[in-house]
Amino acid sequence: MVRYARLLERGEEFLERWGLRQEGTPMSGQVSVVLPVVREDGTRAALKLQDVDDETVGEGLALRTWGGDGVVRLLEDDAETGTLLLERLDEGRPLAAVTDVMEATGILAELLARLTAVPAPEGLRTLDGVVAGMFERLPAVLKSLEGRGGAEDDRRLLEDCAAAVREVAGEPGDRLLHWDLHFENVLAAEREPWLVIDPKPLAGDPGFELLPALWNRYGEGQQARRFDLLTETLGLDRERARAWTLGRVLQNSLWQVEEGEGLDVEQVAIARGLLGR
């Protein structure tokens, strides 16, 4: 609640600075607050308020680089505070509302292909840096698993994921990645049928983008078909994409173990499928 109040207070500052009028109730996400606003020329927009951290830094730069091609258009930004003024989309109609998961995956894949066709600008965090950090943390995480129930299976899975990443780590890629593109991060729009929101920008290989579209709506199945559709639409080498997807499982698993949690059973199942177990 303290963070929410602080972001709303910051919002008052930017309403005045950018000549905006709030016209609706604030919408709160996991790490941000969005105010529906109207600009002085009558254009409807959205004021996004958030703190700058390792994941949100560079969001404005990424959106400017994409220039609205398949993604929400950036109207104003303040890099110091991470505050963004964005075109207004239909927050009530996410891609998650498309009932056929394969149809939704196809839409997401087409958008992801457009986004990852763009070279990353200078100044973003890089996938090789992310990988280096994972390998640095891995020994301590493996040691911490000792004595836990199912520890040997978990250790073996993380080691197999790490081995797959080592095979591709020498070519981390240079594309502009969203990093968190799942069905809730695509909204209906007027300018295009669907537009992407909420990037956590990263420079790297597009194969590192696929896990969210396999994990989100996991219960609807068809993970193997989804993976094939994503790799085909993006024109990716299947084995490289497999390795980088296992890298995403490794990244998430390291966080979970460090937080004292068990491995996510759905991500473990995805990894086992990719490993052929």
Protein backbone atom coordinates (compact mmCIF):
# COMPACT_ATOMS: atom_id res chain seq x y z
CA MET A 1 0.00 0.00 0.00
CA VAL A 2 2.92 2.35 0.67
CA ARG A 3 4.24 1.80 -2.85
CA TYR A 4 0.76 2.28 -4.34
CA ALA A 5 0.29 5.59 -2.48
CA ARG A 6 3.75 6.76 -3.49
CA LEU A 7 3.13 6.00 -7.16
CA LEU A 8 -0.22 7.80 -7.06
CA GLU A 9 1.53 10.83 -5.57
CA ARG A 10 4.04 10.71 -8.41
CA GLY A 11 1.11 10.51 -10.79
CA GLU A 12 -0.15 13.89 -9.60
CA GLU A 13 3.20 15.40 -10.58
CA PHE A 14 3.06 13.95 -14.10
CA LEU A 15 -0.58 14.83 -14.64
CA GLU A 16 0.45 18.44 -14.22
CA ARG A 17 3.79 18.17 -16.04
CA TRP A 18 2.34 16.58 -19.17
CA GLY A 19 -0.99 18.43 -19.17
CA LEU A 20 -3.14 15.38 -18.48
CA ARG A 21 -6.61 14.90 -17.01
CA GLN A 22 -7.41 11.67 -15.21
CA GLU A 23 -10.70 10.20 -16.36
CA GLY A 24 -11.04 6.89 -14.58
CA THR A 25 -10.06 4.66 -11.69
CA PRO A 26 -6.38 3.72 -11.30
CA MET A 27 -5.49 0.19 -12.39
CA SER A 28 -2.88 -1.59 -10.30
CA GLY A 29 -0.61 -4.34 -11.59
CA GLN A 30 2.06 -6.33 -9.79
CA VAL A 31 4.64 -3.54 -9.93
CA SER A 32 2.88 -0.59 -11.56
CA VAL A 33 -0.13 1.70 -11.41
CA VAL A 34 -1.84 2.87 -14.61
CA LEU A 35 -4.06 5.95 -14.76
CA PRO A 36 -6.49 6.40 -17.67
CA VAL A 37 -5.96 9.98 -18.83
CA VAL A 38 -6.83 12.49 -21.55
CA ARG A 39 -4.23 14.78 -23.14
CA GLU A 40 -4.81 18.47 -23.79
CA ASP A 41 -5.68 17.72 -27.44
CA GLY A 42 -8.36 15.25 -26.33
CA THR A 43 -6.33 12.10 -27.06
CA ARG A 44 -7.04 9.26 -24.65
CA ALA A 45 -3.88 7.79 -23.13
CA ALA A 46 -2.55 5.77 -20.19
CA LEU A 47 -0.08 7.05 -17.59
CA LYS A 48 2.07 4.19 -16.32
CA LEU A 49 3.76 4.68 -12.95
CA GLN A 50 6.42 2.28 -11.72
CA ASP A 51 9.79 2.10 -10.03
CA VAL A 52 12.97 1.61 -12.04
CA ASP A 53 14.60 -1.78 -11.41
CA ASP A 54 16.60 -4.39 -13.33
CA GLU A 55 13.53 -5.44 -15.31
CA THR A 56 11.83 -2.10 -16.00
CA VAL A 57 14.95 -0.08 -16.84
CA GLY A 58 15.01 0.78 -20.53
CA GLU A 59 11.30 0.21 -21.12
CA GLY A 60 10.90 3.63 -22.72
CA LEU A 61 13.99 3.06 -24.88
CA ALA A 62 12.61 -0.28 -26.08
CA LEU A 63 9.19 1.17 -26.91
CA ARG A 64 10.78 4.05 -28.84
CA THR A 65 12.92 1.56 -30.75
CA TRP A 66 9.91 -0.55 -31.76
CA GLY A 67 8.06 2.64 -32.71
CA GLY A 68 4.59 1.19 -32.22
CA ASP A 69 5.14 -1.72 -34.63
CA GLY A 70 3.09 -4.45 -32.97
CA VAL A 71 3.52 -2.80 -29.58
CA VAL A 72 1.84 -0.04 -27.59
CA ARG A 73 2.98 3.40 -28.77
CA LEU A 74 5.06 5.56 -26.42
CA LEU A 75 3.89 9.18 -26.22
CA GLU A 76 6.11 10.56 -23.43
CA ASP A 77 8.57 9.11 -20.95
CA ASP A 78 10.75 10.05 -18.01
CA ALA A 79 13.68 7.63 -17.78
CA GLU A 80 14.70 8.74 -14.28
CA THR A 81 11.42 7.66 -12.68
CA GLY A 82 10.32 5.05 -15.25
CA THR A 83 7.08 6.99 -15.87
CA LEU A 84 5.51 6.38 -19.29
CA LEU A 85 2.66 7.96 -21.21
CA LEU A 86 1.22 5.36 -23.57
CA GLU A 87 -1.53 5.11 -26.13
CA ARG A 88 -4.75 3.76 -24.61
CA LEU A 89 -5.60 0.15 -25.40
CA ASP A 90 -8.57 -1.97 -24.36
CA GLU A 91 -7.47 -3.38 -21.00
CA GLY A 92 -10.73 -5.33 -20.81
CA ARG A 93 -9.81 -7.51 -23.82
CA PRO A 94 -6.49 -9.30 -23.35
CA LEU A 95 -5.36 -12.02 -25.74
CA ALA A 96 -6.04 -14.43 -22.87
CA ALA A 97 -9.76 -14.01 -23.70
CA VAL A 98 -9.28 -15.84 -27.01
CA THR A 99 -10.60 -19.24 -26.02
CA ASP A 100 -8.58 -21.41 -28.43
CA VAL A 101 -5.08 -21.51 -26.98
CA MET A 102 -3.50 -22.41 -30.34
CA GLU A 103 -5.21 -19.46 -32.03
CA ALA A 104 -3.97 -17.20 -29.23
CA THR A 105 -0.47 -18.67 -29.54
CA GLY A 106 -0.47 -17.96 -33.26
CA ILE A 107 -1.37 -14.31 -32.69
CA LEU A 108 1.29 -13.98 -30.02
CA ALA A 109 3.89 -15.66 -32.25
CA GLU A 110 3.23 -13.23 -35.11
CA LEU A 111 3.67 -10.27 -32.77
CA LEU A 112 6.80 -11.77 -31.23
CA ALA A 113 8.29 -12.30 -34.70
CA ARG A 114 7.86 -8.60 -35.43
CA LEU A 115 9.36 -7.50 -32.13
CA THR A 116 12.39 -9.78 -32.28
CA ALA A 117 13.17 -8.75 -35.88
CA VAL A 118 14.45 -5.45 -34.41
CA PRO A 119 18.08 -5.13 -33.28
CA ALA A 120 18.45 -4.11 -29.64
CA PRO A 121 19.66 -0.55 -29.02
CA GLU A 122 22.73 0.15 -26.94
CA GLY A 123 22.25 0.46 -23.20
CA LEU A 124 19.97 -2.48 -22.41
CA ARG A 125 20.85 -5.43 -20.18
CA THR A 126 22.12 -8.34 -22.23
CA LEU A 127 21.43 -12.05 -22.29
CA ASP A 128 25.11 -12.89 -21.89
CA GLY A 129 25.09 -10.92 -18.65
CA VAL A 130 21.98 -12.78 -17.50
CA VAL A 131 23.62 -16.13 -18.30
CA ALA A 132 26.82 -15.19 -16.48
CA GLY A 133 24.78 -14.33 -13.41
CA MET A 134 22.91 -17.63 -13.55
CA PHE A 135 26.10 -19.68 -13.74
CA GLU A 136 27.56 -17.68 -10.87
CA ARG A 137 24.57 -18.47 -8.64
CA LEU A 138 24.05 -22.08 -9.73
CA PRO A 139 26.57 -23.83 -7.42
CA ALA A 140 25.07 -22.27 -4.28
CA VAL A 141 21.54 -23.16 -5.41
CA LEU A 142 22.52 -26.77 -6.13
CA LYS A 143 24.14 -27.02 -2.71
CA SER A 144 21.07 -25.58 -1.00
CA LEU A 145 18.95 -28.37 -2.52
CA GLU A 146 20.84 -31.02 -0.59
CA GLY A 147 18.59 -32.72 1.91
CA ARG A 148 15.33 -31.48 0.42
CA GLY A 149 12.66 -33.89 -0.70
CA GLY A 150 13.12 -34.69 -4.38
CA ALA A 151 16.44 -32.85 -4.28
CA GLU A 152 18.27 -35.25 -6.55
CA ASP A 153 15.67 -34.96 -9.31
CA ASP A 154 15.67 -31.16 -8.98
CA ARG A 155 19.46 -31.03 -9.06
CA ARG A 156 19.61 -33.20 -12.15
CA LEU A 157 17.02 -31.06 -13.92
CA LEU A 158 18.86 -27.81 -13.17
CA GLU A 159 22.17 -29.34 -14.25
CA ASP A 160 20.59 -30.50 -17.52
CA CYS A 161 19.13 -27.05 -18.14
CA ALA A 162 22.53 -25.48 -17.43
CA ALA A 163 24.25 -27.91 -19.79
CA ALA A 164 21.84 -26.96 -22.58
CA VAL A 165 22.50 -23.25 -22.02
CA ARG A 166 26.27 -23.78 -22.12
CA GLU A 167 25.91 -25.12 -25.65
CA VAL A 168 24.45 -21.82 -26.92
CA ALA A 169 25.85 -19.27 -24.45
CA GLY A 170 28.66 -18.28 -26.82
CA GLU A 171 26.08 -16.73 -29.18
CA PRO A 172 23.67 -14.82 -26.91
CA GLY A 173 22.10 -12.82 -29.77
CA ASP A 174 21.40 -9.15 -30.32
CA ARG A 175 17.64 -8.88 -30.90
CA LEU A 176 15.35 -6.63 -28.87
CA LEU A 177 13.45 -8.99 -26.54
CA HIS A 178 10.27 -8.40 -24.55
CA TRP A 179 11.17 -11.11 -21.98
CA ASP A 180 7.64 -11.46 -20.55
CA LEU A 181 5.33 -11.92 -23.53
CA HIS A 182 2.36 -14.02 -22.46
CA PHE A 183 -1.34 -13.80 -23.26
CA GLU A 184 -2.14 -11.18 -20.59
CA ASN A 185 0.49 -8.83 -22.05
CA VAL A 186 -1.30 -8.47 -25.39
CA LEU A 187 -4.35 -6.19 -25.53
CA ALA A 188 -6.95 -5.41 -28.16
CA ALA A 189 -6.53 -2.04 -29.84
CA GLU A 190 -7.98 0.25 -32.52
CA ARG A 191 -4.79 0.84 -34.49
CA GLU A 192 -4.18 -2.91 -34.84
CA PRO A 193 -6.26 -5.86 -33.66
CA TRP A 194 -3.69 -6.66 -30.96
CA LEU A 195 -0.74 -4.80 -29.43
CA VAL A 196 1.93 -5.85 -26.94
CA ILE A 197 2.41 -4.13 -23.56
CA ASP A 198 4.76 -4.26 -20.55
CA PRO A 199 8.16 -5.22 -22.00
CA LYS A 200 11.02 -6.03 -19.65
CA PRO A 201 13.63 -5.27 -22.32
CA LEU A 202 16.68 -7.39 -22.93
CA ALA A 203 19.14 -7.82 -25.80
CA GLY A 204 19.53 -11.43 -26.83
CA ASP A 205 18.37 -14.53 -28.70
CA PRO A 206 14.62 -14.78 -29.52
CA GLY A 207 14.63 -18.36 -28.21
CA PHE A 208 14.76 -16.87 -24.70
CA GLU A 209 11.26 -15.44 -25.32
CA LEU A 210 9.23 -18.64 -25.65
CA LEU A 211 8.66 -19.95 -22.12
CA PRO A 212 5.93 -17.47 -21.05
CA ALA A 213 3.73 -18.56 -23.97
CA LEU A 214 4.15 -22.21 -22.92
CA TRP A 215 3.69 -21.67 -19.19
CA ASN A 216 0.76 -19.21 -19.34
CA ARG A 217 -2.51 -21.17 -19.70
CA TYR A 218 -0.53 -24.32 -18.96
CA GLY A 219 -3.66 -26.26 -18.03
CA GLU A 220 -4.94 -26.03 -21.60
CA GLY A 221 -2.07 -28.22 -22.74
CA GLN A 222 -0.55 -28.50 -26.23
CA GLN A 223 2.84 -27.23 -25.05
CA ALA A 224 4.67 -29.23 -27.74
CA ARG A 225 2.43 -27.84 -30.49
CA ARG A 226 2.80 -24.33 -29.07
CA PHE A 227 6.59 -24.66 -29.05
CA ASP A 228 6.57 -25.85 -32.66
CA LEU A 229 4.27 -22.99 -33.73
CA LEU A 230 6.42 -20.39 -31.99
CA THR A 231 9.70 -21.65 -33.44
CA GLU A 232 8.24 -21.98 -36.94
CA THR A 233 6.65 -18.52 -36.93
CA LEU A 234 9.81 -16.86 -35.62
CA GLY A 235 12.02 -18.88 -37.98
CA LEU A 236 14.16 -20.19 -35.12
CA ASP A 237 16.52 -23.13 -35.06
CA ARG A 238 14.56 -25.60 -32.97
CA GLU A 239 17.52 -26.92 -30.96
CA ARG A 240 18.78 -23.45 -30.10
CA ALA A 241 15.27 -22.40 -29.10
CA ARG A 242 14.98 -25.53 -26.97
CA ALA A 243 18.25 -24.70 -25.19
CA TRP A 244 17.27 -21.09 -24.52
CA THR A 245 13.83 -22.16 -23.26
CA LEU A 246 15.55 -24.49 -20.81
CA GLY A 247 17.61 -21.46 -19.84
CA ARG A 248 14.42 -19.60 -18.93
CA VAL A 249 13.36 -22.54 -16.76
CA LEU A 250 16.78 -22.38 -15.11
CA GLN A 251 16.47 -18.64 -14.52
CA ASN A 252 13.06 -18.97 -12.88
CA SER A 253 14.11 -22.03 -10.87
CA LEU A 254 17.13 -20.24 -9.42
CA TRP A 255 14.87 -17.47 -8.17
CA GLN A 256 12.42 -19.96 -6.68
CA VAL A 257 15.07 -21.91 -4.78
CA GLU A 258 16.71 -18.70 -3.55
CA GLU A 259 13.31 -17.62 -2.20
CA GLY A 260 12.99 -20.92 -0.34
CA GLU A 261 10.36 -22.30 -2.69
CA GLY A 262 10.18 -25.56 -4.59
CA LEU A 263 10.54 -25.76 -8.36
CA ASP A 264 7.42 -24.87 -10.30
CA VAL A 265 5.81 -28.17 -11.31
CA GLU A 266 4.50 -26.81 -14.60
CA GLN A 267 7.86 -25.41 -15.67
CA VAL A 268 9.51 -28.66 -14.62
CA ALA A 269 7.05 -30.53 -16.86
CA ILE A 270 7.83 -28.18 -19.77
CA ALA A 271 11.57 -28.73 -19.24
CA ARG A 272 11.14 -32.51 -19.07
CA GLY A 273 9.20 -32.42 -22.34
CA LEU A 274 11.97 -30.44 -24.04
CA LEU A 275 14.58 -32.83 -22.60
CA GLY A 276 12.63 -35.83 -23.91
CA ARG A 277 12.00 -37.35 -20.49
